Amino acid sequence: MEKKTSTAVLLSFLFCGLGHIYSGEKGKGITLVIAYIISLLLMSGAVGFMTTPILWLWGMYDAYKSVERTNHQRALSTTEHV
């Protein structure tokens, strides 16, 4: 079943890493969730104010690209079996 890029971006908008988990990249998603939590905790210092938005924006962009890759790979594997 084809995944929606808009759903992946929305999930990543809500919390970094969720879009990757939705797209099937569970390991990458869990890693991003952990990194995002650490980055949020670092907001007590100056570092978190730089890393958190970067992770958040990159997470949305990469979730979009991840779903595109996953859908493309599924389409190719479906046409190979026909």
PDB file of N, CA and C in Angstrom:
ATOM      1  N   MET A   1       0.834  -1.175   0.000  1.00  0.00           N
ATOM      2  CA  MET A   1       0.000   0.000   0.000  1.00  0.00           C
ATOM      3  C   MET A   1       0.884   1.245   0.000  1.00  0.00           C
ATOM      4  N   GLU A   2       0.558   2.176  -0.868  1.00  0.00           N
ATOM      5  CA  GLU A   2       1.353   3.395  -1.001  1.00  0.00           C
ATOM      6  C   GLU A   2       1.159   4.309   0.201  1.00  0.00           C
ATOM      7  N   LYS A   3       2.261   4.856   0.684  1.00  0.00           N
ATOM      8  CA  LYS A   3       2.236   5.797   1.816  1.00  0.00           C
ATOM      9  C   LYS A   3       2.086   7.211   1.267  1.00  0.00           C
ATOM     10  N   LYS A   4       1.527   8.093   2.083  1.00  0.00           N
ATOM     11  CA  LYS A   4       1.331   9.482   1.674  1.00  0.00           C
ATOM     12  C   LYS A   4       2.451  10.351   2.233  1.00  0.00           C
ATOM     13  N   THR A   5       3.057  11.147   1.358  1.00  0.00           N
ATOM     14  CA  THR A   5       4.119  12.045   1.787  1.00  0.00           C
ATOM     15  C   THR A   5       3.583  13.082   2.774  1.00  0.00           C
ATOM     16  N   SER A   6       2.340  13.534   2.561  1.00  0.00           N
ATOM     17  CA  SER A   6       1.773  14.549   3.456  1.00  0.00           C
ATOM     18  C   SER A   6       1.614  14.011   4.877  1.00  0.00           C
ATOM     19  N   THR A   7       1.275  12.744   5.014  1.00  0.00           N
ATOM     20  CA  THR A   7       1.147  12.138   6.344  1.00  0.00           C
ATOM     21  C   THR A   7       2.506  12.056   7.023  1.00  0.00           C
ATOM     22  N   ALA A   8       3.525  11.678   6.264  1.00  0.00           N
ATOM     23  CA  ALA A   8       4.882  11.586   6.824  1.00  0.00           C
ATOM     24  C   ALA A   8       5.366  12.947   7.304  1.00  0.00           C
ATOM     25  N   VAL A   9       5.128  13.980   6.511  1.00  0.00           N
ATOM     26  CA  VAL A   9       5.557  15.323   6.893  1.00  0.00           C
ATOM     27  C   VAL A   9       4.779  15.799   8.117  1.00  0.00           C
ATOM     28  N   LEU A  10       3.478  15.555   8.152  1.00  0.00           N
ATOM     29  CA  LEU A  10       2.665  15.961   9.297  1.00  0.00           C
ATOM     30  C   LEU A  10       3.128  15.268  10.575  1.00  0.00           C
ATOM     31  N   LEU A  11       3.384  13.975  10.498  1.00  0.00           N
ATOM     32  CA  LEU A  11       3.858  13.244  11.675  1.00  0.00           C
ATOM     33  C   LEU A  11       5.216  13.778  12.139  1.00  0.00           C
ATOM     34  N   SER A  12       6.096  14.087  11.189  1.00  0.00           N
ATOM     35  CA  SER A  12       7.392  14.648  11.552  1.00  0.00           C
ATOM     36  C   SER A  12       7.263  16.069  12.081  1.00  0.00           C
ATOM     37  N   PHE A  13       6.264  16.790  11.614  1.00  0.00           N
ATOM     38  CA  PHE A  13       5.994  18.126  12.141  1.00  0.00           C
ATOM     39  C   PHE A  13       5.578  18.038  13.612  1.00  0.00           C
ATOM     40  N   LEU A  14       4.747  17.037  13.915  1.00  0.00           N
ATOM     41  CA  LEU A  14       4.274  16.866  15.289  1.00  0.00           C
ATOM     42  C   LEU A  14       5.401  16.431  16.220  1.00  0.00           C
ATOM     43  N   PHE A  15       6.232  15.491  15.746  1.00  0.00           N
ATOM     44  CA  PHE A  15       7.387  15.055  16.541  1.00  0.00           C
ATOM     45  C   PHE A  15       8.398  14.403  15.606  1.00  0.00           C
ATOM     46  N   CYS A  16       9.597  14.906  15.649  1.00  0.00           N
ATOM     47  CA  CYS A  16      10.667  14.449  14.766  1.00  0.00           C
ATOM     48  C   CYS A  16      10.874  12.937  14.884  1.00  0.00           C
ATOM     49  N   GLY A  17      10.878  12.248  13.738  1.00  0.00           N
ATOM     50  CA  GLY A  17      11.115  10.811  13.691  1.00  0.00           C
ATOM     51  C   GLY A  17       9.869   9.995  13.412  1.00  0.00           C
ATOM     52  N   LEU A  18       8.698  10.546  13.719  1.00  0.00           N
ATOM     53  CA  LEU A  18       7.461   9.789  13.516  1.00  0.00           C
ATOM     54  C   LEU A  18       7.171   9.541  12.036  1.00  0.00           C
ATOM     55  N   GLY A  19       7.542  10.476  11.177  1.00  0.00           N
ATOM     56  CA  GLY A  19       7.343  10.294   9.737  1.00  0.00           C
ATOM     57  C   GLY A  19       8.180   9.153   9.181  1.00  0.00           C
ATOM     58  N   HIS A  20       9.371   8.970   9.729  1.00  0.00           N
ATOM     59  CA  HIS A  20      10.234   7.865   9.297  1.00  0.00           C
ATOM     60  C   HIS A  20       9.668   6.520   9.753  1.00  0.00           C
ATOM     61  N   ILE A  21       9.154   6.498  10.951  1.00  0.00           N
ATOM     62  CA  ILE A  21       8.530   5.263  11.449  1.00  0.00           C
ATOM     63  C   ILE A  21       7.340   4.909  10.569  1.00  0.00           C
ATOM     64  N   TYR A  22       6.526   5.905  10.203  1.00  0.00           N
ATOM     65  CA  TYR A  22       5.387   5.698   9.310  1.00  0.00           C
ATOM     66  C   TYR A  22       5.843   5.166   7.951  1.00  0.00           C
ATOM     67  N   SER A  23       6.958   5.682   7.442  1.00  0.00           N
ATOM     68  CA  SER A  23       7.400   5.271   6.107  1.00  0.00           C
ATOM     69  C   SER A  23       8.050   3.888   6.094  1.00  0.00           C
ATOM     70  N   GLY A  24       8.315   3.347   7.286  1.00  0.00           N
ATOM     71  CA  GLY A  24       8.900   2.016   7.351  1.00  0.00           C
ATOM     72  C   GLY A  24      10.357   2.014   7.779  1.00  0.00           C
ATOM     73  N   GLU A  25      10.947   3.178   7.932  1.00  0.00           N
ATOM     74  CA  GLU A  25      12.335   3.270   8.379  1.00  0.00           C
ATOM     75  C   GLU A  25      12.350   3.406   9.901  1.00  0.00           C
ATOM     76  N   LYS A  26      12.009   2.317  10.563  1.00  0.00           N
ATOM     77  CA  LYS A  26      11.836   2.339  12.023  1.00  0.00           C
ATOM     78  C   LYS A  26      13.118   2.669  12.772  1.00  0.00           C
ATOM     79  N   GLY A  27      14.235   2.088  12.363  1.00  0.00           N
ATOM     80  CA  GLY A  27      15.505   2.356  13.034  1.00  0.00           C
ATOM     81  C   GLY A  27      15.897   3.821  12.943  1.00  0.00           C
ATOM     82  N   LYS A  28      15.766   4.380  11.758  1.00  0.00           N
ATOM     83  CA  LYS A  28      16.084   5.788  11.557  1.00  0.00           C
ATOM     84  C   LYS A  28      15.123   6.672  12.358  1.00  0.00           C
ATOM     85  N   GLY A  29      13.845   6.289  12.370  1.00  0.00           N
ATOM     86  CA  GLY A  29      12.845   7.047  13.105  1.00  0.00           C
ATOM     87  C   GLY A  29      13.107   7.062  14.599  1.00  0.00           C
ATOM     88  N   ILE A  30      13.418   5.898  15.155  1.00  0.00           N
ATOM     89  CA  ILE A  30      13.688   5.807  16.594  1.00  0.00           C
ATOM     90  C   ILE A  30      14.953   6.599  16.943  1.00  0.00           C
ATOM     91  N   THR A  31      15.955   6.523  16.075  1.00  0.00           N
ATOM     92  CA  THR A  31      17.174   7.298  16.293  1.00  0.00           C
ATOM     93  C   THR A  31      16.867   8.800  16.302  1.00  0.00           C
ATOM     94  N   LEU A  32      16.032   9.241  15.376  1.00  0.00           N
ATOM     95  CA  LEU A  32      15.665  10.656  15.327  1.00  0.00           C
ATOM     96  C   LEU A  32      14.841  11.069  16.543  1.00  0.00           C
ATOM     97  N   VAL A  33      13.934  10.210  16.994  1.00  0.00           N
ATOM     98  CA  VAL A  33      13.147  10.518  18.191  1.00  0.00           C
ATOM     99  C   VAL A  33      14.084  10.719  19.382  1.00  0.00           C
ATOM    100  N   ILE A  34      15.029   9.811  19.552  1.00  0.00           N
ATOM    101  CA  ILE A  34      15.978   9.911  20.672  1.00  0.00           C
ATOM    102  C   ILE A  34      16.836  11.173  20.545  1.00  0.00           C
ATOM    103  N   ALA A  35      17.341  11.439  19.337  1.00  0.00           N
ATOM    104  CA  ALA A  35      18.166  12.635  19.114  1.00  0.00           C
ATOM    105  C   ALA A  35      17.365  13.903  19.380  1.00  0.00           C
ATOM    106  N   TYR A  36      16.097  13.897  18.992  1.00  0.00           N
ATOM    107  CA  TYR A  36      15.243  15.072  19.187  1.00  0.00           C
ATOM    108  C   TYR A  36      14.972  15.300  20.676  1.00  0.00           C
ATOM    109  N   ILE A  37      14.738  14.223  21.414  1.00  0.00           N
ATOM    110  CA  ILE A  37      14.524  14.347  22.860  1.00  0.00           C
ATOM    111  C   ILE A  37      15.778  14.912  23.524  1.00  0.00           C
ATOM    112  N   ILE A  38      16.938  14.397  23.138  1.00  0.00           N
ATOM    113  CA  ILE A  38      18.203  14.908  23.687  1.00  0.00           C
ATOM    114  C   ILE A  38      18.359  16.389  23.332  1.00  0.00           C
ATOM    115  N   SER A  39      18.043  16.730  22.092  1.00  0.00           N
ATOM    116  CA  SER A  39      18.152  18.118  21.655  1.00  0.00           C
ATOM    117  C   SER A  39      17.204  19.022  22.443  1.00  0.00           C
ATOM    118  N   LEU A  40      15.992  18.540  22.707  1.00  0.00           N
ATOM    119  CA  LEU A  40      15.046  19.315  23.517  1.00  0.00           C
ATOM    120  C   LEU A  40      15.582  19.524  24.926  1.00  0.00           C
ATOM    121  N   LEU A  41      16.196  18.489  25.482  1.00  0.00           N
ATOM    122  CA  LEU A  41      16.783  18.615  26.815  1.00  0.00           C
ATOM    123  C   LEU A  41      17.942  19.613  26.823  1.00  0.00           C
ATOM    124  N   LEU A  42      18.655  19.685  25.706  1.00  0.00           N
ATOM    125  CA  LEU A  42      19.781  20.617  25.596  1.00  0.00           C
ATOM    126  C   LEU A  42      19.328  22.069  25.449  1.00  0.00           C
ATOM    127  N   MET A  43      18.018  22.272  25.324  1.00  0.00           N
ATOM    128  CA  MET A  43      17.518  23.637  25.213  1.00  0.00           C
ATOM    129  C   MET A  43      17.699  24.413  26.518  1.00  0.00           C
ATOM    130  N   SER A  44      18.060  23.721  27.582  1.00  0.00           N
ATOM    131  CA  SER A  44      18.392  24.435  28.808  1.00  0.00           C
ATOM    132  C   SER A  44      19.693  25.212  28.630  1.00  0.00           C
ATOM    133  N   GLY A  45      20.444  24.851  27.621  1.00  0.00           N
ATOM    134  CA  GLY A  45      21.662  25.570  27.239  1.00  0.00           C
ATOM    135  C   GLY A  45      21.488  26.102  25.826  1.00  0.00           C
ATOM    136  N   ALA A  46      22.474  26.755  25.318  1.00  0.00           N
ATOM    137  CA  ALA A  46      22.375  27.384  23.997  1.00  0.00           C
ATOM    138  C   ALA A  46      22.372  26.379  22.849  1.00  0.00           C
ATOM    139  N   VAL A  47      23.001  25.238  23.038  1.00  0.00           N
ATOM    140  CA  VAL A  47      23.152  24.253  21.955  1.00  0.00           C
ATOM    141  C   VAL A  47      21.798  23.788  21.432  1.00  0.00           C
ATOM    142  N   GLY A  48      20.873  23.509  22.326  1.00  0.00           N
ATOM    143  CA  GLY A  48      19.557  22.996  21.930  1.00  0.00           C
ATOM    144  C   GLY A  48      18.768  23.941  21.052  1.00  0.00           C
ATOM    145  N   PHE A  49      18.996  25.236  21.210  1.00  0.00           N
ATOM    146  CA  PHE A  49      18.280  26.205  20.384  1.00  0.00           C
ATOM    147  C   PHE A  49      18.745  26.201  18.938  1.00  0.00           C
ATOM    148  N   MET A  50      19.906  25.607  18.678  1.00  0.00           N
ATOM    149  CA  MET A  50      20.384  25.463  17.306  1.00  0.00           C
ATOM    150  C   MET A  50      20.049  24.077  16.767  1.00  0.00           C
ATOM    151  N   THR A  51      20.261  23.046  17.579  1.00  0.00           N
ATOM    152  CA  THR A  51      20.078  21.679  17.076  1.00  0.00           C
ATOM    153  C   THR A  51      18.607  21.292  16.916  1.00  0.00           C
ATOM    154  N   THR A  52      17.745  21.746  17.793  1.00  0.00           N
ATOM    155  CA  THR A  52      16.339  21.336  17.745  1.00  0.00           C
ATOM    156  C   THR A  52      15.650  21.758  16.450  1.00  0.00           C
ATOM    157  N   PRO A  53      15.714  23.029  16.044  1.00  0.00           N
ATOM    158  CA  PRO A  53      15.061  23.389  14.780  1.00  0.00           C
ATOM    159  C   PRO A  53      15.687  22.707  13.560  1.00  0.00           C
ATOM    160  N   ILE A  54      17.005  22.515  13.611  1.00  0.00           N
ATOM    161  CA  ILE A  54      17.666  21.848  12.485  1.00  0.00           C
ATOM    162  C   ILE A  54      17.176  20.405  12.361  1.00  0.00           C
ATOM    163  N   LEU A  55      17.143  19.676  13.469  1.00  0.00           N
ATOM    164  CA  LEU A  55      16.634  18.298  13.452  1.00  0.00           C
ATOM    165  C   LEU A  55      15.182  18.250  12.994  1.00  0.00           C
ATOM    166  N   TRP A  56      14.376  19.172  13.499  1.00  0.00           N
ATOM    167  CA  TRP A  56      12.944  19.203  13.199  1.00  0.00           C
ATOM    168  C   TRP A  56      12.709  19.432  11.705  1.00  0.00           C
ATOM    169  N   LEU A  57      13.375  20.447  11.135  1.00  0.00           N
ATOM    170  CA  LEU A  57      13.205  20.749   9.708  1.00  0.00           C
ATOM    171  C   LEU A  57      13.768  19.635   8.830  1.00  0.00           C
ATOM    172  N   TRP A  58      14.959  19.140   9.174  1.00  0.00           N
ATOM    173  CA  TRP A  58      15.549  18.056   8.388  1.00  0.00           C
ATOM    174  C   TRP A  58      14.681  16.799   8.470  1.00  0.00           C
ATOM    175  N   GLY A  59      14.115  16.549   9.654  1.00  0.00           N
ATOM    176  CA  GLY A  59      13.253  15.379   9.826  1.00  0.00           C
ATOM    177  C   GLY A  59      12.044  15.416   8.911  1.00  0.00           C
ATOM    178  N   MET A  60      11.421  16.581   8.766  1.00  0.00           N
ATOM    179  CA  MET A  60      10.265  16.700   7.866  1.00  0.00           C
ATOM    180  C   MET A  60      10.674  16.488   6.417  1.00  0.00           C
ATOM    181  N   TYR A  61      11.771  17.123   6.011  1.00  0.00           N
ATOM    182  CA  TYR A  61      12.248  16.975   4.634  1.00  0.00           C
ATOM    183  C   TYR A  61      12.622  15.521   4.335  1.00  0.00           C
ATOM    184  N   ASP A  62      13.377  14.904   5.234  1.00  0.00           N
ATOM    185  CA  ASP A  62      13.838  13.545   4.994  1.00  0.00           C
ATOM    186  C   ASP A  62      12.684  12.538   5.055  1.00  0.00           C
ATOM    187  N   ALA A  63      11.686  12.787   5.878  1.00  0.00           N
ATOM    188  CA  ALA A  63      10.512  11.900   5.916  1.00  0.00           C
ATOM    189  C   ALA A  63       9.795  11.937   4.571  1.00  0.00           C
ATOM    190  N   TYR A  64       9.681  13.109   3.993  1.00  0.00           N
ATOM    191  CA  TYR A  64       9.074  13.259   2.672  1.00  0.00           C
ATOM    192  C   TYR A  64       9.843  12.440   1.633  1.00  0.00           C
ATOM    193  N   LYS A  65      11.168  12.619   1.625  1.00  0.00           N
ATOM    194  CA  LYS A  65      11.997  11.885   0.668  1.00  0.00           C
ATOM    195  C   LYS A  65      11.967  10.378   0.937  1.00  0.00           C
ATOM    196  N   SER A  66      11.875   9.995   2.200  1.00  0.00           N
ATOM    197  CA  SER A  66      11.831   8.588   2.576  1.00  0.00           C
ATOM    198  C   SER A  66      10.587   7.908   2.013  1.00  0.00           C
ATOM    199  N   VAL A  67       9.451   8.576   2.123  1.00  0.00           N
ATOM    200  CA  VAL A  67       8.212   8.007   1.577  1.00  0.00           C
ATOM    201  C   VAL A  67       8.298   7.926   0.054  1.00  0.00           C
ATOM    202  N   GLU A  68       8.859   8.940  -0.573  1.00  0.00           N
ATOM    203  CA  GLU A  68       9.030   8.877  -2.032  1.00  0.00           C
ATOM    204  C   GLU A  68       9.877   7.669  -2.433  1.00  0.00           C
ATOM    205  N   ARG A  69      10.993   7.447  -1.719  1.00  0.00           N
ATOM    206  CA  ARG A  69      11.862   6.295  -2.013  1.00  0.00           C
ATOM    207  C   ARG A  69      11.130   4.976  -1.785  1.00  0.00           C
ATOM    208  N   THR A  70      10.436   4.883  -0.658  1.00  0.00           N
ATOM    209  CA  THR A  70       9.714   3.653  -0.324  1.00  0.00           C
ATOM    210  C   THR A  70       8.651   3.352  -1.369  1.00  0.00           C
ATOM    211  N   ASN A  71       7.872   4.365  -1.749  1.00  0.00           N
ATOM    212  CA  ASN A  71       6.831   4.163  -2.766  1.00  0.00           C
ATOM    213  C   ASN A  71       7.432   3.770  -4.106  1.00  0.00           C
ATOM    214  N   HIS A  72       8.568   4.376  -4.462  1.00  0.00           N
ATOM    215  CA  HIS A  72       9.231   4.051  -5.720  1.00  0.00           C
ATOM    216  C   HIS A  72       9.731   2.603  -5.709  1.00  0.00           C
ATOM    217  N   GLN A  73      10.335   2.184  -4.607  1.00  0.00           N
ATOM    218  CA  GLN A  73      10.836   0.814  -4.493  1.00  0.00           C
ATOM    219  C   GLN A  73       9.691  -0.199  -4.549  1.00  0.00           C
ATOM    220  N   ARG A  74       8.591   0.117  -3.894  1.00  0.00           N
ATOM    221  CA  ARG A  74       7.432  -0.788  -3.935  1.00  0.00           C
ATOM    222  C   ARG A  74       6.855  -0.882  -5.338  1.00  0.00           C
ATOM    223  N   ALA A  75       6.814   0.242  -6.031  1.00  0.00           N
ATOM    224  CA  ALA A  75       6.299   0.227  -7.408  1.00  0.00           C
ATOM    225  C   ALA A  75       7.198  -0.617  -8.302  1.00  0.00           C
ATOM    226  N   LEU A  76       8.496  -0.501  -8.118  1.00  0.00           N
ATOM    227  CA  LEU A  76       9.426  -1.300  -8.929  1.00  0.00           C
ATOM    228  C   LEU A  76       9.293  -2.782  -8.626  1.00  0.00           C
ATOM    229  N   SER A  77       9.166  -3.138  -7.352  1.00  0.00           N
ATOM    230  CA  SER A  77       9.050  -4.550  -7.007  1.00  0.00           C
ATOM    231  C   SER A  77       7.721  -5.137  -7.464  1.00  0.00           C
ATOM    232  N   THR A  78       6.694  -4.316  -7.529  1.00  0.00           N
ATOM    233  CA  THR A  78       5.390  -4.788  -8.006  1.00  0.00           C
ATOM    234  C   THR A  78       5.437  -5.061  -9.500  1.00  0.00           C
ATOM    235  N   THR A  79       6.100  -4.185 -10.267  1.00  0.00           N
ATOM    236  CA  THR A  79       6.167  -4.378 -11.714  1.00  0.00           C
ATOM    237  C   THR A  79       7.097  -5.521 -12.083  1.00  0.00           C
ATOM    238  N   GLU A  80       8.082  -5.832 -11.214  1.00  0.00           N
ATOM    239  CA  GLU A  80       8.985  -6.947 -11.500  1.00  0.00           C
ATOM    240  C   GLU A  80       8.288  -8.287 -11.342  1.00  0.00           C
ATOM    241  N   HIS A  81       7.295  -8.367 -10.478  1.00  0.00           N
ATOM    242  CA  HIS A  81       6.588  -9.615 -10.234  1.00  0.00           C
ATOM    243  C   HIS A  81       5.449  -9.867 -11.202  1.00  0.00           C
ATOM    244  N   VAL A  82       5.163  -8.910 -12.052  1.00  0.00           N
ATOM    245  CA  VAL A  82       4.036  -9.067 -12.986  1.00  0.00           C
ATOM    246  C   VAL A  82       4.470  -9.755 -14.234  1.00  0.00           C
TER     247      VAL A  82
END
